[in-house]
Amino acid sequence: KALATHTHLPKSTLSQSIEGLVQSGWVIRETNPENRREVVLSLSDQGQQFVTEIQEQEKGMQRQLEQVLKTIDQEVFEQMLATHAQIAEGIGRILQPNMKGGCSDD
């Protein structure tokens, strides 16, 4: 229930997705011994290894992006940031307040 709330996915969709991850060996599903109606999900060793690999790839991409950004003229960089700010503002006006999905902090 908490995962469905956090991901904004229907419970049926989430349940099928989790089942696929369990069957693939990425996630371990266990019944909470203190509350038999609750299910505890955790990453398997395989799932944790995959997450670690993705995080390392992200770090590498971040370093590469930083190297590229260092080569951009400061004035051009500031123009790019201003353009991105205009785009974000425009999208913010289009999206309805409290709309699920889209741009959010979660």
PDB file of N, CA and C in Angstrom:
ATOM      1  N   LYS A   1       0.834  -1.196   0.000  1.00  0.00           N
ATOM      2  CA  LYS A   1       0.000   0.000   0.000  1.00  0.00           C
ATOM      3  C   LYS A   1       0.877   1.259   0.000  1.00  0.00           C
ATOM      4  N   ALA A   2       1.909   1.251   0.840  1.00  0.00           N
ATOM      5  CA  ALA A   2       2.812   2.402   0.920  1.00  0.00           C
ATOM      6  C   ALA A   2       3.554   2.593  -0.399  1.00  0.00           C
ATOM      7  N   LEU A   3       3.970   1.506  -1.010  1.00  0.00           N
ATOM      8  CA  LEU A   3       4.691   1.580  -2.284  1.00  0.00           C
ATOM      9  C   LEU A   3       3.775   2.109  -3.386  1.00  0.00           C
ATOM     10  N   ALA A   4       2.528   1.677  -3.394  1.00  0.00           N
ATOM     11  CA  ALA A   4       1.567   2.165  -4.389  1.00  0.00           C
ATOM     12  C   ALA A   4       1.339   3.664  -4.218  1.00  0.00           C
ATOM     13  N   THR A   5       1.254   4.112  -2.985  1.00  0.00           N
ATOM     14  CA  THR A   5       1.078   5.538  -2.718  1.00  0.00           C
ATOM     15  C   THR A   5       2.290   6.325  -3.196  1.00  0.00           C
ATOM     16  N   HIS A   6       3.465   5.814  -2.922  1.00  0.00           N
ATOM     17  CA  HIS A   6       4.708   6.515  -3.282  1.00  0.00           C
ATOM     18  C   HIS A   6       4.929   6.552  -4.795  1.00  0.00           C
ATOM     19  N   THR A   7       4.589   5.472  -5.490  1.00  0.00           N
ATOM     20  CA  THR A   7       4.855   5.396  -6.924  1.00  0.00           C
ATOM     21  C   THR A   7       3.705   5.894  -7.786  1.00  0.00           C
ATOM     22  N   HIS A   8       2.530   6.093  -7.166  1.00  0.00           N
ATOM     23  CA  HIS A   8       1.333   6.535  -7.897  1.00  0.00           C
ATOM     24  C   HIS A   8       0.883   5.501  -8.931  1.00  0.00           C
ATOM     25  N   LEU A   9       1.231   4.237  -8.701  1.00  0.00           N
ATOM     26  CA  LEU A   9       0.825   3.158  -9.602  1.00  0.00           C
ATOM     27  C   LEU A   9      -0.373   2.431  -9.007  1.00  0.00           C
ATOM     28  N   PRO A  10      -1.277   1.945  -9.866  1.00  0.00           N
ATOM     29  CA  PRO A  10      -2.378   1.124  -9.353  1.00  0.00           C
ATOM     30  C   PRO A  10      -1.817  -0.131  -8.668  1.00  0.00           C
ATOM     31  N   LYS A  11      -2.502  -0.574  -7.628  1.00  0.00           N
ATOM     32  CA  LYS A  11      -2.016  -1.741  -6.877  1.00  0.00           C
ATOM     33  C   LYS A  11      -1.857  -2.972  -7.769  1.00  0.00           C
ATOM     34  N   SER A  12      -2.771  -3.162  -8.712  1.00  0.00           N
ATOM     35  CA  SER A  12      -2.681  -4.340  -9.579  1.00  0.00           C
ATOM     36  C   SER A  12      -1.426  -4.292 -10.451  1.00  0.00           C
ATOM     37  N   THR A  13      -1.129  -3.125 -10.998  1.00  0.00           N
ATOM     38  CA  THR A  13       0.070  -2.954 -11.828  1.00  0.00           C
ATOM     39  C   THR A  13       1.322  -3.177 -10.995  1.00  0.00           C
ATOM     40  N   LEU A  14       1.327  -2.596  -9.819  1.00  0.00           N
ATOM     41  CA  LEU A  14       2.474  -2.725  -8.927  1.00  0.00           C
ATOM     42  C   LEU A  14       2.673  -4.179  -8.505  1.00  0.00           C
ATOM     43  N   SER A  15       1.587  -4.851  -8.206  1.00  0.00           N
ATOM     44  CA  SER A  15       1.658  -6.253  -7.800  1.00  0.00           C
ATOM     45  C   SER A  15       2.257  -7.119  -8.908  1.00  0.00           C
ATOM     46  N   GLN A  16       1.836  -6.897 -10.141  1.00  0.00           N
ATOM     47  CA  GLN A  16       2.378  -7.660 -11.272  1.00  0.00           C
ATOM     48  C   GLN A  16       3.856  -7.358 -11.476  1.00  0.00           C
ATOM     49  N   SER A  17       4.213  -6.090 -11.341  1.00  0.00           N
ATOM     50  CA  SER A  17       5.617  -5.698 -11.512  1.00  0.00           C
ATOM     51  C   SER A  17       6.493  -6.342 -10.442  1.00  0.00           C
ATOM     52  N   ILE A  18       6.013  -6.310  -9.207  1.00  0.00           N
ATOM     53  CA  ILE A  18       6.771  -6.907  -8.110  1.00  0.00           C
ATOM     54  C   ILE A  18       6.918  -8.410  -8.327  1.00  0.00           C
ATOM     55  N   GLU A  19       5.842  -9.051  -8.765  1.00  0.00           N
ATOM     56  CA  GLU A  19       5.909 -10.492  -9.020  1.00  0.00           C
ATOM     57  C   GLU A  19       6.985 -10.800 -10.066  1.00  0.00           C
ATOM     58  N   GLY A  20       7.056  -9.974 -11.101  1.00  0.00           N
ATOM     59  CA  GLY A  20       8.091 -10.154 -12.124  1.00  0.00           C
ATOM     60  C   GLY A  20       9.486 -10.005 -11.555  1.00  0.00           C
ATOM     61  N   LEU A  21       9.674  -9.026 -10.670  1.00  0.00           N
ATOM     62  CA  LEU A  21      10.984  -8.816 -10.044  1.00  0.00           C
ATOM     63  C   LEU A  21      11.345  -9.970  -9.114  1.00  0.00           C
ATOM     64  N   VAL A  22      10.342 -10.494  -8.404  1.00  0.00           N
ATOM     65  CA  VAL A  22      10.579 -11.640  -7.524  1.00  0.00           C
ATOM     66  C   VAL A  22      10.961 -12.864  -8.361  1.00  0.00           C
ATOM     67  N   GLN A  23      10.204 -13.123  -9.424  1.00  0.00           N
ATOM     68  CA  GLN A  23      10.474 -14.280 -10.274  1.00  0.00           C
ATOM     69  C   GLN A  23      11.845 -14.182 -10.952  1.00  0.00           C
ATOM     70  N   SER A  24      12.274 -12.953 -11.233  1.00  0.00           N
ATOM     71  CA  SER A  24      13.580 -12.739 -11.872  1.00  0.00           C
ATOM     72  C   SER A  24      14.741 -12.779 -10.880  1.00  0.00           C
ATOM     73  N   GLY A  25      14.419 -12.804  -9.592  1.00  0.00           N
ATOM     74  CA  GLY A  25      15.470 -12.881  -8.582  1.00  0.00           C
ATOM     75  C   GLY A  25      16.023 -11.543  -8.143  1.00  0.00           C
ATOM     76  N   TRP A  26      15.376 -10.451  -8.494  1.00  0.00           N
ATOM     77  CA  TRP A  26      15.854  -9.113  -8.136  1.00  0.00           C
ATOM     78  C   TRP A  26      15.351  -8.668  -6.761  1.00  0.00           C
ATOM     79  N   VAL A  27      14.170  -9.156  -6.381  1.00  0.00           N
ATOM     80  CA  VAL A  27      13.517  -8.714  -5.148  1.00  0.00           C
ATOM     81  C   VAL A  27      13.109  -9.938  -4.330  1.00  0.00           C
ATOM     82  N   ILE A  28      13.187  -9.788  -3.009  1.00  0.00           N
ATOM     83  CA  ILE A  28      12.735 -10.829  -2.088  1.00  0.00           C
ATOM     84  C   ILE A  28      11.450 -10.326  -1.425  1.00  0.00           C
ATOM     85  N   ARG A  29      10.436 -11.173  -1.434  1.00  0.00           N
ATOM     86  CA  ARG A  29       9.145 -10.814  -0.826  1.00  0.00           C
ATOM     87  C   ARG A  29       8.931 -11.742   0.368  1.00  0.00           C
ATOM     88  N   GLU A  30       8.698 -11.135   1.540  1.00  0.00           N
ATOM     89  CA  GLU A  30       8.476 -11.904   2.760  1.00  0.00           C
ATOM     90  C   GLU A  30       7.275 -11.332   3.507  1.00  0.00           C
ATOM     91  N   THR A  31       6.597 -12.177   4.244  1.00  0.00           N
ATOM     92  CA  THR A  31       5.492 -11.729   5.085  1.00  0.00           C
ATOM     93  C   THR A  31       6.064 -11.164   6.370  1.00  0.00           C
ATOM     94  N   ASN A  32       5.538 -10.025   6.799  1.00  0.00           N
ATOM     95  CA  ASN A  32       5.971  -9.407   8.042  1.00  0.00           C
ATOM     96  C   ASN A  32       5.505 -10.296   9.201  1.00  0.00           C
ATOM     97  N   PRO A  33       6.426 -10.837  10.002  1.00  0.00           N
ATOM     98  CA  PRO A  33       6.023 -11.740  11.090  1.00  0.00           C
ATOM     99  C   PRO A  33       5.184 -11.044  12.166  1.00  0.00           C
ATOM    100  N   GLU A  34       5.301  -9.717  12.273  1.00  0.00           N
ATOM    101  CA  GLU A  34       4.543  -8.970  13.273  1.00  0.00           C
ATOM    102  C   GLU A  34       3.149  -8.586  12.783  1.00  0.00           C
ATOM    103  N   ASN A  35       2.965  -8.566  11.459  1.00  0.00           N
ATOM    104  CA  ASN A  35       1.659  -8.235  10.886  1.00  0.00           C
ATOM    105  C   ASN A  35       1.533  -9.040   9.600  1.00  0.00           C
ATOM    106  N   ARG A  36       0.857 -10.171   9.665  1.00  0.00           N
ATOM    107  CA  ARG A  36       0.795 -11.115   8.553  1.00  0.00           C
ATOM    108  C   ARG A  36       0.130 -10.530   7.312  1.00  0.00           C
ATOM    109  N   ARG A  37      -0.559  -9.392   7.431  1.00  0.00           N
ATOM    110  CA  ARG A  37      -1.181  -8.767   6.263  1.00  0.00           C
ATOM    111  C   ARG A  37      -0.182  -7.910   5.487  1.00  0.00           C
ATOM    112  N   GLU A  38       0.940  -7.610   6.094  1.00  0.00           N
ATOM    113  CA  GLU A  38       1.953  -6.788   5.433  1.00  0.00           C
ATOM    114  C   GLU A  38       3.003  -7.657   4.748  1.00  0.00           C
ATOM    115  N   VAL A  39       3.482  -7.144   3.620  1.00  0.00           N
ATOM    116  CA  VAL A  39       4.547  -7.812   2.882  1.00  0.00           C
ATOM    117  C   VAL A  39       5.775  -6.906   2.913  1.00  0.00           C
ATOM    118  N   VAL A  40       6.901  -7.502   3.222  1.00  0.00           N
ATOM    119  CA  VAL A  40       8.165  -6.764   3.262  1.00  0.00           C
ATOM    120  C   VAL A  40       8.933  -7.095   1.988  1.00  0.00           C
ATOM    121  N   LEU A  41       9.326  -6.046   1.260  1.00  0.00           N
ATOM    122  CA  LEU A  41      10.102  -6.217   0.029  1.00  0.00           C
ATOM    123  C   LEU A  41      11.529  -5.759   0.281  1.00  0.00           C
ATOM    124  N   SER A  42      12.472  -6.513  -0.234  1.00  0.00           N
ATOM    125  CA  SER A  42      13.875  -6.108  -0.136  1.00  0.00           C
ATOM    126  C   SER A  42      14.602  -6.572  -1.387  1.00  0.00           C
ATOM    127  N   LEU A  43      15.708  -5.920  -1.661  1.00  0.00           N
ATOM    128  CA  LEU A  43      16.516  -6.308  -2.810  1.00  0.00           C
ATOM    129  C   LEU A  43      17.282  -7.589  -2.492  1.00  0.00           C
ATOM    130  N   SER A  44      17.340  -8.468  -3.462  1.00  0.00           N
ATOM    131  CA  SER A  44      18.203  -9.644  -3.335  1.00  0.00           C
ATOM    132  C   SER A  44      19.641  -9.180  -3.559  1.00  0.00           C
ATOM    133  N   ASP A  45      20.598 -10.077  -3.376  1.00  0.00           N
ATOM    134  CA  ASP A  45      21.993  -9.730  -3.666  1.00  0.00           C
ATOM    135  C   ASP A  45      22.135  -9.302  -5.128  1.00  0.00           C
ATOM    136  N   GLN A  46      21.446 -10.012  -6.018  1.00  0.00           N
ATOM    137  CA  GLN A  46      21.472  -9.676  -7.449  1.00  0.00           C
ATOM    138  C   GLN A  46      20.883  -8.282  -7.677  1.00  0.00           C
ATOM    139  N   GLY A  47      19.779  -7.978  -7.016  1.00  0.00           N
ATOM    140  CA  GLY A  47      19.148  -6.672  -7.158  1.00  0.00           C
ATOM    141  C   GLY A  47      20.029  -5.558  -6.617  1.00  0.00           C
ATOM    142  N   GLN A  48      20.664  -5.802  -5.469  1.00  0.00           N
ATOM    143  CA  GLN A  48      21.554  -4.799  -4.876  1.00  0.00           C
ATOM    144  C   GLN A  48      22.763  -4.556  -5.765  1.00  0.00           C
ATOM    145  N   GLN A  49      23.300  -5.620  -6.356  1.00  0.00           N
ATOM    146  CA  GLN A  49      24.442  -5.470  -7.268  1.00  0.00           C
ATOM    147  C   GLN A  49      24.042  -4.612  -8.468  1.00  0.00           C
ATOM    148  N   PHE A  50      22.843  -4.837  -9.000  1.00  0.00           N
ATOM    149  CA  PHE A  50      22.365  -4.057 -10.139  1.00  0.00           C
ATOM    150  C   PHE A  50      22.232  -2.580  -9.765  1.00  0.00           C
ATOM    151  N   VAL A  51      21.664  -2.291  -8.603  1.00  0.00           N
ATOM    152  CA  VAL A  51      21.518  -0.907  -8.148  1.00  0.00           C
ATOM    153  C   VAL A  51      22.891  -0.254  -8.003  1.00  0.00           C
ATOM    154  N   THR A  52      23.843  -0.974  -7.440  1.00  0.00           N
ATOM    155  CA  THR A  52      25.202  -0.442  -7.278  1.00  0.00           C
ATOM    156  C   THR A  52      25.827  -0.123  -8.635  1.00  0.00           C
ATOM    157  N   GLU A  53      25.636  -1.021  -9.611  1.00  0.00           N
ATOM    158  CA  GLU A  53      26.174  -0.789 -10.955  1.00  0.00           C
ATOM    159  C   GLU A  53      25.545   0.455 -11.586  1.00  0.00           C
ATOM    160  N   ILE A  54      24.245   0.623 -11.432  1.00  0.00           N
ATOM    161  CA  ILE A  54      23.559   1.801 -11.980  1.00  0.00           C
ATOM    162  C   ILE A  54      24.083   3.073 -11.322  1.00  0.00           C
ATOM    163  N   GLN A  55      24.265   3.036 -10.005  1.00  0.00           N
ATOM    164  CA  GLN A  55      24.794   4.205  -9.296  1.00  0.00           C
ATOM    165  C   GLN A  55      26.195   4.564  -9.777  1.00  0.00           C
ATOM    166  N   GLU A  56      27.014   3.569 -10.033  1.00  0.00           N
ATOM    167  CA  GLU A  56      28.364   3.819 -10.540  1.00  0.00           C
ATOM    168  C   GLU A  56      28.307   4.420 -11.947  1.00  0.00           C
ATOM    169  N   GLN A  57      27.396   3.921 -12.778  1.00  0.00           N
ATOM    170  CA  GLN A  57      27.231   4.487 -14.118  1.00  0.00           C
ATOM    171  C   GLN A  57      26.796   5.948 -14.036  1.00  0.00           C
ATOM    172  N   GLU A  58      25.877   6.246 -13.106  1.00  0.00           N
ATOM    173  CA  GLU A  58      25.418   7.624 -12.935  1.00  0.00           C
ATOM    174  C   GLU A  58      26.574   8.537 -12.541  1.00  0.00           C
ATOM    175  N   LYS A  59      27.427   8.057 -11.618  1.00  0.00           N
ATOM    176  CA  LYS A  59      28.583   8.849 -11.193  1.00  0.00           C
ATOM    177  C   LYS A  59      29.501   9.125 -12.375  1.00  0.00           C
ATOM    178  N   GLY A  60      29.714   8.102 -13.210  1.00  0.00           N
ATOM    179  CA  GLY A  60      30.565   8.270 -14.387  1.00  0.00           C
ATOM    180  C   GLY A  60      29.967   9.267 -15.364  1.00  0.00           C
ATOM    181  N   MET A  61      28.669   9.177 -15.570  1.00  0.00           N
ATOM    182  CA  MET A  61      27.997  10.120 -16.474  1.00  0.00           C
ATOM    183  C   MET A  61      28.069  11.530 -15.914  1.00  0.00           C
ATOM    184  N   GLN A  62      27.917  11.667 -14.598  1.00  0.00           N
ATOM    185  CA  GLN A  62      28.002  12.979 -13.958  1.00  0.00           C
ATOM    186  C   GLN A  62      29.391  13.581 -14.171  1.00  0.00           C
ATOM    187  N   ARG A  63      30.430  12.765 -14.000  1.00  0.00           N
ATOM    188  CA  ARG A  63      31.805  13.256 -14.205  1.00  0.00           C
ATOM    189  C   ARG A  63      32.017  13.683 -15.657  1.00  0.00           C
ATOM    190  N   GLN A  64      31.494  12.902 -16.596  1.00  0.00           N
ATOM    191  CA  GLN A  64      31.633  13.253 -18.009  1.00  0.00           C
ATOM    192  C   GLN A  64      30.900  14.553 -18.320  1.00  0.00           C
ATOM    193  N   LEU A  65      29.697  14.703 -17.776  1.00  0.00           N
ATOM    194  CA  LEU A  65      28.932  15.931 -17.995  1.00  0.00           C
ATOM    195  C   LEU A  65      29.682  17.136 -17.429  1.00  0.00           C
ATOM    196  N   GLU A  66      30.239  16.977 -16.246  1.00  0.00           N
ATOM    197  CA  GLU A  66      31.007  18.074 -15.639  1.00  0.00           C
ATOM    198  C   GLU A  66      32.191  18.468 -16.518  1.00  0.00           C
ATOM    199  N   GLN A  67      32.858  17.480 -17.116  1.00  0.00           N
ATOM    200  CA  GLN A  67      33.979  17.779 -18.005  1.00  0.00           C
ATOM    201  C   GLN A  67      33.521  18.564 -19.234  1.00  0.00           C
ATOM    202  N   VAL A  68      32.391  18.167 -19.806  1.00  0.00           N
ATOM    203  CA  VAL A  68      31.850  18.872 -20.977  1.00  0.00           C
ATOM    204  C   VAL A  68      31.450  20.297 -20.601  1.00  0.00           C
ATOM    205  N   LEU A  69      30.782  20.441 -19.460  1.00  0.00           N
ATOM    206  CA  LEU A  69      30.329  21.774 -19.043  1.00  0.00           C
ATOM    207  C   LEU A  69      31.496  22.724 -18.799  1.00  0.00           C
ATOM    208  N   LYS A  70      32.648  22.201 -18.382  1.00  0.00           N
ATOM    209  CA  LYS A  70      33.827  23.038 -18.167  1.00  0.00           C
ATOM    210  C   LYS A  70      34.325  23.652 -19.469  1.00  0.00           C
ATOM    211  N   THR A  71      33.997  23.021 -20.603  1.00  0.00           N
ATOM    212  CA  THR A  71      34.483  23.516 -21.892  1.00  0.00           C
ATOM    213  C   THR A  71      33.547  24.565 -22.505  1.00  0.00           C
ATOM    214  N   ILE A  72      32.372  24.760 -21.913  1.00  0.00           N
ATOM    215  CA  ILE A  72      31.395  25.701 -22.469  1.00  0.00           C
ATOM    216  C   ILE A  72      31.684  27.097 -21.956  1.00  0.00           C
ATOM    217  N   ASP A  73      31.652  28.060 -22.867  1.00  0.00           N
ATOM    218  CA  ASP A  73      31.849  29.471 -22.523  1.00  0.00           C
ATOM    219  C   ASP A  73      30.839  29.872 -21.453  1.00  0.00           C
ATOM    220  N   GLN A  74      31.272  30.658 -20.465  1.00  0.00           N
ATOM    221  CA  GLN A  74      30.421  31.053 -19.333  1.00  0.00           C
ATOM    222  C   GLN A  74      29.144  31.758 -19.795  1.00  0.00           C
ATOM    223  N   GLU A  75      29.252  32.647 -20.779  1.00  0.00           N
ATOM    224  CA  GLU A  75      28.073  33.380 -21.261  1.00  0.00           C
ATOM    225  C   GLU A  75      27.067  32.425 -21.914  1.00  0.00           C
ATOM    226  N   VAL A  76      27.568  31.490 -22.695  1.00  0.00           N
ATOM    227  CA  VAL A  76      26.705  30.495 -23.343  1.00  0.00           C
ATOM    228  C   VAL A  76      26.056  29.615 -22.272  1.00  0.00           C
ATOM    229  N   PHE A  77      26.819  29.256 -21.257  1.00  0.00           N
ATOM    230  CA  PHE A  77      26.300  28.430 -20.174  1.00  0.00           C
ATOM    231  C   PHE A  77      25.159  29.150 -19.448  1.00  0.00           C
ATOM    232  N   GLU A  78      25.354  30.427 -19.152  1.00  0.00           N
ATOM    233  CA  GLU A  78      24.316  31.203 -18.465  1.00  0.00           C
ATOM    234  C   GLU A  78      23.069  31.342 -19.330  1.00  0.00           C
ATOM    235  N   GLN A  79      23.248  31.494 -20.645  1.00  0.00           N
ATOM    236  CA  GLN A  79      22.097  31.532 -21.561  1.00  0.00           C
ATOM    237  C   GLN A  79      21.337  30.211 -21.525  1.00  0.00           C
ATOM    238  N   MET A  80      22.086  29.130 -21.505  1.00  0.00           N
ATOM    239  CA  MET A  80      21.464  27.804 -21.460  1.00  0.00           C
ATOM    240  C   MET A  80      20.645  27.645 -20.178  1.00  0.00           C
ATOM    241  N   LEU A  81      21.200  28.070 -19.049  1.00  0.00           N
ATOM    242  CA  LEU A  81      20.475  27.975 -17.792  1.00  0.00           C
ATOM    243  C   LEU A  81      19.206  28.826 -17.814  1.00  0.00           C
ATOM    244  N   ALA A  82      19.295  30.011 -18.388  1.00  0.00           N
ATOM    245  CA  ALA A  82      18.124  30.881 -18.484  1.00  0.00           C
ATOM    246  C   ALA A  82      17.053  30.247 -19.367  1.00  0.00           C
ATOM    247  N   THR A  83      17.470  29.627 -20.455  1.00  0.00           N
ATOM    248  CA  THR A  83      16.520  28.945 -21.347  1.00  0.00           C
ATOM    249  C   THR A  83      15.846  27.784 -20.623  1.00  0.00           C
ATOM    250  N   HIS A  84      16.618  27.006 -19.892  1.00  0.00           N
ATOM    251  CA  HIS A  84      16.056  25.887 -19.134  1.00  0.00           C
ATOM    252  C   HIS A  84      15.078  26.387 -18.079  1.00  0.00           C
ATOM    253  N   ALA A  85      15.402  27.502 -17.438  1.00  0.00           N
ATOM    254  CA  ALA A  85      14.503  28.071 -16.434  1.00  0.00           C
ATOM    255  C   ALA A  85      13.183  28.490 -17.083  1.00  0.00           C
ATOM    256  N   GLN A  86      13.241  29.075 -18.283  1.00  0.00           N
ATOM    257  CA  GLN A  86      12.018  29.455 -18.995  1.00  0.00           C
ATOM    258  C   GLN A  86      11.178  28.229 -19.339  1.00  0.00           C
ATOM    259  N   ILE A  87      11.835  27.176 -19.779  1.00  0.00           N
ATOM    260  CA  ILE A  87      11.127  25.934 -20.116  1.00  0.00           C
ATOM    261  C   ILE A  87      10.452  25.368 -18.859  1.00  0.00           C
ATOM    262  N   ALA A  88      11.190  25.301 -17.761  1.00  0.00           N
ATOM    263  CA  ALA A  88      10.638  24.763 -16.516  1.00  0.00           C
ATOM    264  C   ALA A  88       9.455  25.605 -16.037  1.00  0.00           C
ATOM    265  N   GLU A  89       9.566  26.918 -16.160  1.00  0.00           N
ATOM    266  CA  GLU A  89       8.471  27.811 -15.758  1.00  0.00           C
ATOM    267  C   GLU A  89       7.239  27.567 -16.625  1.00  0.00           C
ATOM    268  N   GLY A  90       7.446  27.428 -17.934  1.00  0.00           N
ATOM    269  CA  GLY A  90       6.332  27.176 -18.845  1.00  0.00           C
ATOM    270  C   GLY A  90       5.645  25.857 -18.552  1.00  0.00           C
ATOM    271  N   ILE A  91       6.433  24.833 -18.295  1.00  0.00           N
ATOM    272  CA  ILE A  91       5.854  23.532 -17.956  1.00  0.00           C
ATOM    273  C   ILE A  91       5.098  23.625 -16.636  1.00  0.00           C
ATOM    274  N   GLY A  92       5.652  24.380 -15.689  1.00  0.00           N
ATOM    275  CA  GLY A  92       4.979  24.559 -14.398  1.00  0.00           C
ATOM    276  C   GLY A  92       3.625  25.224 -14.543  1.00  0.00           C
ATOM    277  N   ARG A  93       3.511  26.154 -15.489  1.00  0.00           N
ATOM    278  CA  ARG A  93       2.215  26.812 -15.708  1.00  0.00           C
ATOM    279  C   ARG A  93       1.220  25.872 -16.363  1.00  0.00           C
ATOM    280  N   ILE A  94       1.715  24.972 -17.203  1.00  0.00           N
ATOM    281  CA  ILE A  94       0.837  24.045 -17.922  1.00  0.00           C
ATOM    282  C   ILE A  94       0.294  22.959 -16.987  1.00  0.00           C
ATOM    283  N   LEU A  95       1.171  22.415 -16.139  1.00  0.00           N
ATOM    284  CA  LEU A  95       0.753  21.338 -15.241  1.00  0.00           C
ATOM    285  C   LEU A  95      -0.196  21.882 -14.187  1.00  0.00           C
ATOM    286  N   GLN A  96      -1.206  21.114 -13.895  1.00  0.00           N
ATOM    287  CA  GLN A  96      -2.163  21.507 -12.865  1.00  0.00           C
ATOM    288  C   GLN A  96      -1.530  21.299 -11.494  1.00  0.00           C
ATOM    289  N   PRO A  97      -1.875  22.154 -10.519  1.00  0.00           N
ATOM    290  CA  PRO A  97      -1.363  21.952  -9.164  1.00  0.00           C
ATOM    291  C   PRO A  97      -1.803  20.580  -8.633  1.00  0.00           C
ATOM    292  N   ASN A  98      -0.928  19.947  -7.870  1.00  0.00           N
ATOM    293  CA  ASN A  98      -1.184  18.636  -7.256  1.00  0.00           C
ATOM    294  C   ASN A  98      -1.425  17.533  -8.271  1.00  0.00           C
ATOM    295  N   MET A  99      -1.011  17.734  -9.504  1.00  0.00           N
ATOM    296  CA  MET A  99      -1.181  16.719 -10.541  1.00  0.00           C
ATOM    297  C   MET A  99      -0.202  15.579 -10.273  1.00  0.00           C
ATOM    298  N   LYS A 100      -0.684  14.355 -10.336  1.00  0.00           N
ATOM    299  CA  LYS A 100       0.188  13.203 -10.116  1.00  0.00           C
ATOM    300  C   LYS A 100       1.023  12.973 -11.366  1.00  0.00           C
ATOM    301  N   GLY A 101       2.301  12.636 -11.164  1.00  0.00           N
ATOM    302  CA  GLY A 101       3.193  12.441 -12.290  1.00  0.00           C
ATOM    303  C   GLY A 101       3.782  13.767 -12.710  1.00  0.00           C
ATOM    304  N   GLY A 102       4.398  13.790 -13.873  1.00  0.00           N
ATOM    305  CA  GLY A 102       4.995  15.026 -14.353  1.00  0.00           C
ATOM    306  C   GLY A 102       6.203  15.394 -13.519  1.00  0.00           C
ATOM    307  N   CYS A 103       6.472  16.676 -13.405  1.00  0.00           N
ATOM    308  CA  CYS A 103       7.619  17.161 -12.664  1.00  0.00           C
ATOM    309  C   CYS A 103       7.271  17.227 -11.181  1.00  0.00           C
ATOM    310  N   SER A 104       8.050  16.562 -10.362  1.00  0.00           N
ATOM    311  CA  SER A 104       7.826  16.603  -8.919  1.00  0.00           C
ATOM    312  C   SER A 104       9.137  16.332  -8.214  1.00  0.00           C
ATOM    313  N   ASP A 105       9.127  16.533  -6.922  1.00  0.00           N
ATOM    314  CA  ASP A 105      10.332  16.302  -6.126  1.00  0.00           C
ATOM    315  C   ASP A 105      10.506  14.857  -5.718  1.00  0.00           C
ATOM    316  N   ASP A 106       9.496  14.016  -5.944  1.00  0.00           N
ATOM    317  CA  ASP A 106       9.644  12.631  -5.534  1.00  0.00           C
ATOM    318  C   ASP A 106       9.886  11.782  -6.739  1.00  0.00           C
TER     319      ASP A 106
END
